[in-house]
Amino acid sequence: MLSKSVVKAQKAEVVRKFGNTSTQTGSTQVQVALITRRINHLTEHAKKAPKDFSCRKGLLTLVGQRKRLLTYLKRENENEYLKLIQALELRK
């Protein structure tokens, strides 16, 4: 289990990388990046605990939320969408 300070530092790093400023946490790119980070973490947990169904439900919820945000971003700004999926290595 990671300490709160480590998680906070990792989250701040994601915000700095994908937001235009360090306080821009609400932008679509930052939200997708944070959700992707959580999805990756939960995926690793799900591999270790295959009977954790609440984790699986939360994981599917996050995947759906990320999909909706990516659809919005693609509709509004396709160039940013392409940069984001390339940076996060979401699609091949």
N, C-alpha and C. Protein backbone atom coordinates (compact mmCIF):
# COMPACT_ATOMS: atom_id res chain seq x y z
N MET A 1 0.84 -1.18 0.00
CA MET A 1 0.00 0.00 0.00
C MET A 1 0.89 1.24 0.00
N LEU A 2 0.59 2.15 -0.88
CA LEU A 2 1.37 3.38 -0.99
C LEU A 2 0.87 4.40 0.04
N SER A 3 1.79 5.20 0.54
CA SER A 3 1.39 6.23 1.49
C SER A 3 0.69 7.37 0.74
N LYS A 4 -0.05 8.16 1.50
CA LYS A 4 -0.80 9.25 0.88
C LYS A 4 0.11 10.27 0.23
N SER A 5 1.27 10.52 0.81
CA SER A 5 2.18 11.51 0.24
C SER A 5 2.74 11.04 -1.10
N VAL A 6 2.99 9.73 -1.23
CA VAL A 6 3.50 9.19 -2.49
C VAL A 6 2.42 9.30 -3.57
N VAL A 7 1.19 8.95 -3.22
CA VAL A 7 0.08 9.02 -4.18
C VAL A 7 -0.15 10.47 -4.59
N LYS A 8 -0.08 11.39 -3.63
CA LYS A 8 -0.27 12.81 -3.92
C LYS A 8 0.81 13.32 -4.86
N ALA A 9 2.04 12.89 -4.65
CA ALA A 9 3.15 13.32 -5.50
C ALA A 9 2.98 12.77 -6.92
N GLN A 10 2.55 11.50 -7.02
CA GLN A 10 2.34 10.91 -8.35
C GLN A 10 1.21 11.62 -9.09
N LYS A 11 0.16 11.96 -8.36
CA LYS A 11 -0.97 12.67 -8.97
C LYS A 11 -0.53 14.06 -9.45
N ALA A 12 0.27 14.74 -8.64
CA ALA A 12 0.76 16.07 -9.02
C ALA A 12 1.65 15.98 -10.26
N GLU A 13 2.42 14.91 -10.38
CA GLU A 13 3.27 14.71 -11.55
C GLU A 13 2.42 14.54 -12.82
N VAL A 14 1.34 13.78 -12.71
CA VAL A 14 0.44 13.57 -13.85
C VAL A 14 -0.20 14.89 -14.25
N VAL A 15 -0.61 15.69 -13.26
CA VAL A 15 -1.24 16.99 -13.55
C VAL A 15 -0.25 17.90 -14.24
N ARG A 16 1.01 17.92 -13.79
CA ARG A 16 2.04 18.75 -14.43
C ARG A 16 2.30 18.30 -15.86
N LYS A 17 2.29 17.00 -16.08
CA LYS A 17 2.63 16.48 -17.40
C LYS A 17 1.52 16.73 -18.42
N PHE A 18 0.26 16.56 -18.02
CA PHE A 18 -0.83 16.63 -18.98
C PHE A 18 -1.65 17.91 -18.92
N GLY A 19 -1.50 18.72 -17.87
CA GLY A 19 -2.20 19.99 -17.79
C GLY A 19 -1.30 21.11 -18.26
N ASN A 20 -1.89 22.20 -18.67
CA ASN A 20 -1.08 23.35 -19.10
C ASN A 20 -0.43 24.02 -17.90
N THR A 21 -1.10 24.00 -16.75
CA THR A 21 -0.54 24.53 -15.51
C THR A 21 -0.67 23.47 -14.43
N SER A 22 0.00 23.69 -13.31
CA SER A 22 -0.03 22.69 -12.24
C SER A 22 -1.35 22.69 -11.49
N THR A 23 -2.19 23.69 -11.71
CA THR A 23 -3.48 23.74 -11.02
C THR A 23 -4.64 23.36 -11.93
N GLN A 24 -4.36 23.00 -13.15
CA GLN A 24 -5.41 22.68 -14.11
C GLN A 24 -5.77 21.20 -14.02
N THR A 25 -6.49 20.83 -12.95
CA THR A 25 -6.82 19.43 -12.72
C THR A 25 -8.11 19.02 -13.40
N GLY A 26 -8.90 19.96 -13.86
CA GLY A 26 -10.20 19.63 -14.43
C GLY A 26 -10.19 19.43 -15.92
N SER A 27 -9.07 19.66 -16.58
CA SER A 27 -9.06 19.50 -18.03
C SER A 27 -9.26 18.03 -18.40
N THR A 28 -9.80 17.81 -19.55
CA THR A 28 -10.11 16.46 -20.00
C THR A 28 -8.86 15.60 -20.07
N GLN A 29 -7.76 16.17 -20.54
CA GLN A 29 -6.53 15.40 -20.67
C GLN A 29 -6.04 14.92 -19.31
N VAL A 30 -6.09 15.78 -18.31
CA VAL A 30 -5.64 15.41 -16.97
C VAL A 30 -6.56 14.35 -16.38
N GLN A 31 -7.86 14.51 -16.56
CA GLN A 31 -8.81 13.53 -16.04
C GLN A 31 -8.56 12.16 -16.65
N VAL A 32 -8.36 12.11 -17.96
CA VAL A 32 -8.12 10.83 -18.63
C VAL A 32 -6.82 10.21 -18.13
N ALA A 33 -5.79 11.02 -17.96
CA ALA A 33 -4.50 10.51 -17.49
C ALA A 33 -4.62 9.95 -16.07
N LEU A 34 -5.34 10.64 -15.21
CA LEU A 34 -5.51 10.15 -13.83
C LEU A 34 -6.33 8.87 -13.79
N ILE A 35 -7.38 8.82 -14.60
CA ILE A 35 -8.20 7.61 -14.65
C ILE A 35 -7.40 6.44 -15.21
N THR A 36 -6.58 6.70 -16.21
CA THR A 36 -5.73 5.65 -16.79
C THR A 36 -4.77 5.10 -15.74
N ARG A 37 -4.21 5.99 -14.93
CA ARG A 37 -3.31 5.55 -13.87
C ARG A 37 -4.04 4.66 -12.87
N ARG A 38 -5.26 5.05 -12.51
CA ARG A 38 -6.05 4.22 -11.58
C ARG A 38 -6.43 2.89 -12.21
N ILE A 39 -6.77 2.90 -13.50
CA ILE A 39 -7.12 1.66 -14.20
C ILE A 39 -5.93 0.70 -14.20
N ASN A 40 -4.75 1.21 -14.48
CA ASN A 40 -3.56 0.36 -14.49
C ASN A 40 -3.31 -0.24 -13.12
N HIS A 41 -3.49 0.56 -12.07
CA HIS A 41 -3.29 0.07 -10.71
C HIS A 41 -4.33 -1.02 -10.37
N LEU A 42 -5.58 -0.77 -10.70
CA LEU A 42 -6.63 -1.75 -10.40
C LEU A 42 -6.48 -3.02 -11.24
N THR A 43 -5.97 -2.90 -12.44
CA THR A 43 -5.74 -4.07 -13.28
C THR A 43 -4.72 -5.00 -12.64
N GLU A 44 -3.66 -4.41 -12.12
CA GLU A 44 -2.65 -5.23 -11.42
C GLU A 44 -3.26 -5.91 -10.20
N HIS A 45 -4.09 -5.19 -9.46
CA HIS A 45 -4.73 -5.78 -8.29
C HIS A 45 -5.68 -6.91 -8.70
N ALA A 46 -6.41 -6.71 -9.79
CA ALA A 46 -7.37 -7.72 -10.25
C ALA A 46 -6.67 -9.00 -10.69
N LYS A 47 -5.46 -8.87 -11.21
CA LYS A 47 -4.70 -10.06 -11.60
C LYS A 47 -4.30 -10.88 -10.38
N LYS A 48 -3.99 -10.19 -9.27
CA LYS A 48 -3.59 -10.88 -8.05
C LYS A 48 -4.78 -11.44 -7.28
N ALA A 49 -5.93 -10.78 -7.38
CA ALA A 49 -7.13 -11.18 -6.63
C ALA A 49 -8.29 -11.36 -7.59
N PRO A 50 -8.36 -12.50 -8.28
CA PRO A 50 -9.39 -12.67 -9.31
C PRO A 50 -10.82 -12.74 -8.78
N LYS A 51 -11.01 -12.98 -7.48
CA LYS A 51 -12.36 -13.06 -6.93
C LYS A 51 -12.83 -11.76 -6.31
N ASP A 52 -12.07 -10.69 -6.47
CA ASP A 52 -12.45 -9.39 -5.93
C ASP A 52 -13.40 -8.72 -6.93
N PHE A 53 -14.69 -9.00 -6.78
CA PHE A 53 -15.67 -8.54 -7.76
C PHE A 53 -15.98 -7.06 -7.62
N SER A 54 -15.84 -6.50 -6.43
CA SER A 54 -16.06 -5.07 -6.27
C SER A 54 -14.96 -4.28 -6.99
N CYS A 55 -13.76 -4.81 -6.97
CA CYS A 55 -12.66 -4.18 -7.72
C CYS A 55 -12.97 -4.22 -9.22
N ARG A 56 -13.47 -5.34 -9.67
CA ARG A 56 -13.79 -5.49 -11.09
C ARG A 56 -14.88 -4.52 -11.52
N LYS A 57 -15.89 -4.34 -10.67
CA LYS A 57 -16.97 -3.41 -10.98
C LYS A 57 -16.44 -1.98 -11.05
N GLY A 58 -15.59 -1.61 -10.10
CA GLY A 58 -15.00 -0.29 -10.12
C GLY A 58 -14.12 -0.07 -11.33
N LEU A 59 -13.41 -1.12 -11.72
CA LEU A 59 -12.55 -1.05 -12.90
C LEU A 59 -13.38 -0.81 -14.16
N LEU A 60 -14.48 -1.54 -14.30
CA LEU A 60 -15.34 -1.35 -15.47
C LEU A 60 -15.98 0.03 -15.49
N THR A 61 -16.31 0.55 -14.31
CA THR A 61 -16.86 1.90 -14.23
C THR A 61 -15.85 2.93 -14.70
N LEU A 62 -14.60 2.77 -14.27
CA LEU A 62 -13.55 3.70 -14.69
C LEU A 62 -13.27 3.62 -16.19
N VAL A 63 -13.31 2.41 -16.73
CA VAL A 63 -13.09 2.24 -18.18
C VAL A 63 -14.18 2.96 -18.96
N GLY A 64 -15.42 2.84 -18.51
CA GLY A 64 -16.53 3.54 -19.17
C GLY A 64 -16.41 5.04 -19.07
N GLN A 65 -16.00 5.53 -17.92
CA GLN A 65 -15.83 6.97 -17.72
C GLN A 65 -14.72 7.50 -18.63
N ARG A 66 -13.62 6.76 -18.71
CA ARG A 66 -12.52 7.17 -19.58
C ARG A 66 -12.95 7.18 -21.04
N LYS A 67 -13.74 6.19 -21.42
CA LYS A 67 -14.22 6.11 -22.80
C LYS A 67 -15.08 7.32 -23.15
N ARG A 68 -15.96 7.72 -22.22
CA ARG A 68 -16.80 8.90 -22.47
C ARG A 68 -15.96 10.16 -22.59
N LEU A 69 -14.97 10.31 -21.72
CA LEU A 69 -14.11 11.49 -21.79
C LEU A 69 -13.30 11.53 -23.09
N LEU A 70 -12.82 10.36 -23.52
CA LEU A 70 -12.06 10.31 -24.78
C LEU A 70 -12.96 10.63 -25.97
N THR A 71 -14.19 10.17 -25.95
CA THR A 71 -15.13 10.49 -27.02
C THR A 71 -15.38 12.00 -27.09
N TYR A 72 -15.55 12.61 -25.92
CA TYR A 72 -15.73 14.07 -25.86
C TYR A 72 -14.51 14.79 -26.41
N LEU A 73 -13.33 14.37 -25.98
CA LEU A 73 -12.11 15.03 -26.43
C LEU A 73 -11.91 14.87 -27.94
N LYS A 74 -12.23 13.71 -28.47
CA LYS A 74 -12.08 13.49 -29.91
C LYS A 74 -13.03 14.39 -30.69
N ARG A 75 -14.23 14.57 -30.16
CA ARG A 75 -15.22 15.41 -30.83
C ARG A 75 -14.82 16.89 -30.77
N GLU A 76 -14.26 17.34 -29.65
CA GLU A 76 -13.94 18.75 -29.47
C GLU A 76 -12.58 19.15 -30.05
N ASN A 77 -11.57 18.30 -29.84
CA ASN A 77 -10.21 18.67 -30.26
C ASN A 77 -9.45 17.40 -30.65
N GLU A 78 -9.51 17.04 -31.91
CA GLU A 78 -8.94 15.77 -32.35
C GLU A 78 -7.42 15.73 -32.23
N ASN A 79 -6.75 16.86 -32.41
CA ASN A 79 -5.29 16.87 -32.29
C ASN A 79 -4.85 16.53 -30.87
N GLU A 80 -5.51 17.13 -29.88
CA GLU A 80 -5.19 16.83 -28.48
C GLU A 80 -5.51 15.37 -28.15
N TYR A 81 -6.59 14.86 -28.74
CA TYR A 81 -6.97 13.46 -28.54
C TYR A 81 -5.87 12.52 -29.04
N LEU A 82 -5.36 12.80 -30.23
CA LEU A 82 -4.32 11.96 -30.80
C LEU A 82 -3.03 12.02 -29.97
N LYS A 83 -2.68 13.23 -29.50
CA LYS A 83 -1.49 13.37 -28.65
C LYS A 83 -1.65 12.58 -27.35
N LEU A 84 -2.86 12.66 -26.77
CA LEU A 84 -3.10 12.01 -25.48
C LEU A 84 -3.05 10.50 -25.58
N ILE A 85 -3.70 9.92 -26.58
CA ILE A 85 -3.68 8.46 -26.68
C ILE A 85 -2.28 7.95 -27.03
N GLN A 86 -1.51 8.77 -27.71
CA GLN A 86 -0.13 8.37 -28.00
C GLN A 86 0.71 8.45 -26.73
N ALA A 87 0.52 9.50 -25.93
CA ALA A 87 1.30 9.66 -24.70
C ALA A 87 0.96 8.59 -23.67
N LEU A 88 -0.31 8.21 -23.59
CA LEU A 88 -0.75 7.20 -22.62
C LEU A 88 -0.66 5.78 -23.16
N GLU A 89 -0.32 5.66 -24.44
CA GLU A 89 -0.21 4.35 -25.10
C GLU A 89 -1.50 3.54 -24.93
N LEU A 90 -2.63 4.17 -25.28
CA LEU A 90 -3.92 3.52 -25.09
C LEU A 90 -4.30 2.62 -26.25
N ARG A 91 -4.05 3.05 -27.47
CA ARG A 91 -4.46 2.26 -28.63
C ARG A 91 -3.26 2.03 -29.53
N LYS A 92 -3.33 0.95 -30.26
CA LYS A 92 -2.20 0.62 -31.13
C LYS A 92 -2.51 0.87 -32.57
